[in-house]
C-alpha cells in the first residue's frame, strides 16, 4: 500500500509540474514584465511542490500509524483468543471434577 500512495503522490507531483510548465500557444512574445510573471509562476510551483510533499509526508505518517494500530489490535486479539481457550479448558476441567467439603476431589 505504501508504494501505491507514493506512486499516486509522485503522479500528482508530476502532473502539477507539467501544468506549471505548459506553454500557452497563443502567448505573445516575451516582454520585460514576463520575467516577473515567470518568477511568480516558479514561486507558485515551488509552493505547490512543498504542499504536495507535506501532504505526502502526512499520508506516510498516517499509514505508519494505521499499521501500528492494526498490529496492536492483532496482538490484543491473539491474547484474548488465548485467554478464551484457557477459560474453556478450565470450564471443561471444572465440569469433570468436583471438590467435596472435606477437600477431596472427585473426577468424573
Protein backbone atom coordinates (compact mmCIF):
# COMPACT_ATOMS: atom_id res chain seq x y z
CA UNK A 1 0.00 0.00 0.00
CA UNK A 2 2.87 2.34 0.78
CA UNK A 3 4.23 2.23 -2.75
CA UNK A 4 0.76 2.87 -4.19
CA UNK A 5 0.41 6.03 -2.10
CA UNK A 6 3.90 7.15 -3.03
CA UNK A 7 3.24 6.46 -6.71
CA UNK A 8 -0.04 8.39 -6.56
CA UNK A 9 1.71 11.32 -4.89
CA UNK A 10 4.55 11.24 -7.43
CA UNK A 11 1.96 11.21 -10.22
CA UNK A 12 0.19 14.21 -8.69
CA UNK A 13 3.51 16.00 -8.30
CA UNK A 14 4.46 15.30 -11.92
CA UNK A 15 1.05 16.47 -13.14
CA UNK A 16 1.39 19.68 -11.12
CA UNK A 17 4.87 20.29 -12.51
CA UNK A 18 3.65 19.66 -16.07
CA UNK A 19 0.74 22.01 -15.52
CA UNK A 20 3.11 24.73 -14.35
CA UNK A 21 5.44 24.17 -17.30
CA UNK A 22 2.83 24.20 -20.05
CA UNK A 23 3.26 26.94 -22.60
CA UNK A 24 0.25 28.89 -23.84
CA UNK A 25 0.32 28.54 -27.65
CA UNK A 26 -1.43 31.90 -28.09
CA UNK A 27 1.00 33.80 -25.87
CA UNK A 28 2.63 36.97 -27.08
CA UNK A 29 6.43 37.15 -27.40
CA UNK A 30 8.20 37.70 -24.11
CA UNK A 31 8.47 41.25 -22.82
CA UNK A 32 10.40 42.68 -19.91
CA UNK A 33 7.48 42.16 -17.47
CA UNK A 34 7.25 38.45 -18.32
CA UNK A 35 10.32 37.68 -16.21
CA UNK A 36 8.44 38.73 -13.10
CA UNK A 37 5.44 36.66 -14.14
CA UNK A 38 7.67 33.65 -14.78
CA UNK A 39 9.27 34.11 -11.36
CA UNK A 40 5.80 34.29 -9.78
CA UNK A 41 4.80 31.07 -11.57
CA UNK A 42 8.03 29.41 -10.41
CA UNK A 43 7.38 30.56 -6.85
CA UNK A 44 3.82 29.28 -7.05
CA UNK A 45 5.08 25.96 -8.43
CA UNK A 46 7.60 25.69 -5.59
CA UNK A 47 4.85 26.42 -3.09
CA UNK A 48 2.63 23.75 -4.68
CA UNK A 49 5.51 21.26 -4.65
CA UNK A 50 6.18 21.91 -0.97
CA UNK A 51 2.48 21.49 -0.18
CA UNK A 52 2.38 18.19 -2.06
CA UNK A 53 5.49 16.97 -0.24
CA UNK A 54 3.89 17.90 3.10
CA UNK A 55 0.75 16.02 2.09
CA UNK A 56 2.86 13.02 1.10
CA UNK A 57 4.68 13.09 4.45
CA UNK A 58 1.36 13.37 6.27
CA UNK A 59 -0.09 10.41 4.34
CA UNK A 60 3.03 8.36 5.04
CA UNK A 61 2.82 9.12 8.78
CA UNK A 62 -0.89 8.29 8.79
CA UNK A 63 -0.16 4.98 7.06
CA UNK A 64 2.52 4.13 9.63
CA UNK A 65 0.13 4.99 12.47
CA UNK A 66 -2.61 2.84 10.93
CA UNK A 67 -0.21 -0.11 10.58
CA UNK A 68 0.85 0.22 14.23
CA UNK A 69 -2.78 0.30 15.37
CA UNK A 70 -3.57 -2.74 13.21
CA UNK A 71 -0.60 -4.67 14.62
CA UNK A 72 -1.60 -3.75 18.19
CA UNK A 73 -5.16 -4.95 17.52
CA UNK A 74 -3.90 -8.25 16.09
CA UNK A 75 -1.75 -8.80 19.20
CA UNK A 76 -4.67 -7.98 21.51
CA UNK A 77 -6.93 -10.35 19.58
CA UNK A 78 -4.43 -13.21 19.85
CA UNK A 79 -4.08 -12.63 23.60
CA UNK A 80 -7.88 -12.57 24.02
CA UNK A 81 -8.26 -15.76 21.97
CA UNK A 82 -5.63 -17.45 24.16
CA UNK A 83 -7.49 -16.41 27.29
CA UNK A 84 -10.77 -17.75 25.88
CA UNK A 85 -9.14 -21.10 25.11
CA UNK A 86 -7.75 -21.21 28.66
CA UNK A 87 -11.16 -20.42 30.14
CA UNK A 88 -12.79 -23.15 28.04
CA UNK A 89 -10.18 -25.63 29.29
CA UNK A 90 -10.81 -24.55 32.89
CA UNK A 91 -14.55 -24.95 32.38
CA UNK A 92 -14.12 -28.42 30.87
CA UNK A 93 -11.94 -29.47 33.81
CA UNK A 94 -14.39 -27.98 36.32
CA UNK A 95 -17.25 -29.94 34.78
CA UNK A 96 -15.27 -33.17 35.12
CA UNK A 97 -14.23 -32.82 38.76
CA UNK A 98 -15.93 -31.88 41.99
CA UNK A 99 -14.43 -30.93 45.34
CA UNK A 100 -16.08 -32.40 48.41
CA UNK A 101 -16.42 -30.42 51.64
CA UNK A 102 -13.55 -32.38 53.20
CA UNK A 103 -11.22 -31.20 50.36
CA UNK A 104 -11.30 -34.48 48.48
CA UNK A 105 -11.61 -34.05 44.65
CA UNK A 106 -13.74 -36.48 42.68
CA UNK A 107 -13.14 -36.68 38.95
CA UNK A 108 -15.99 -37.87 36.77
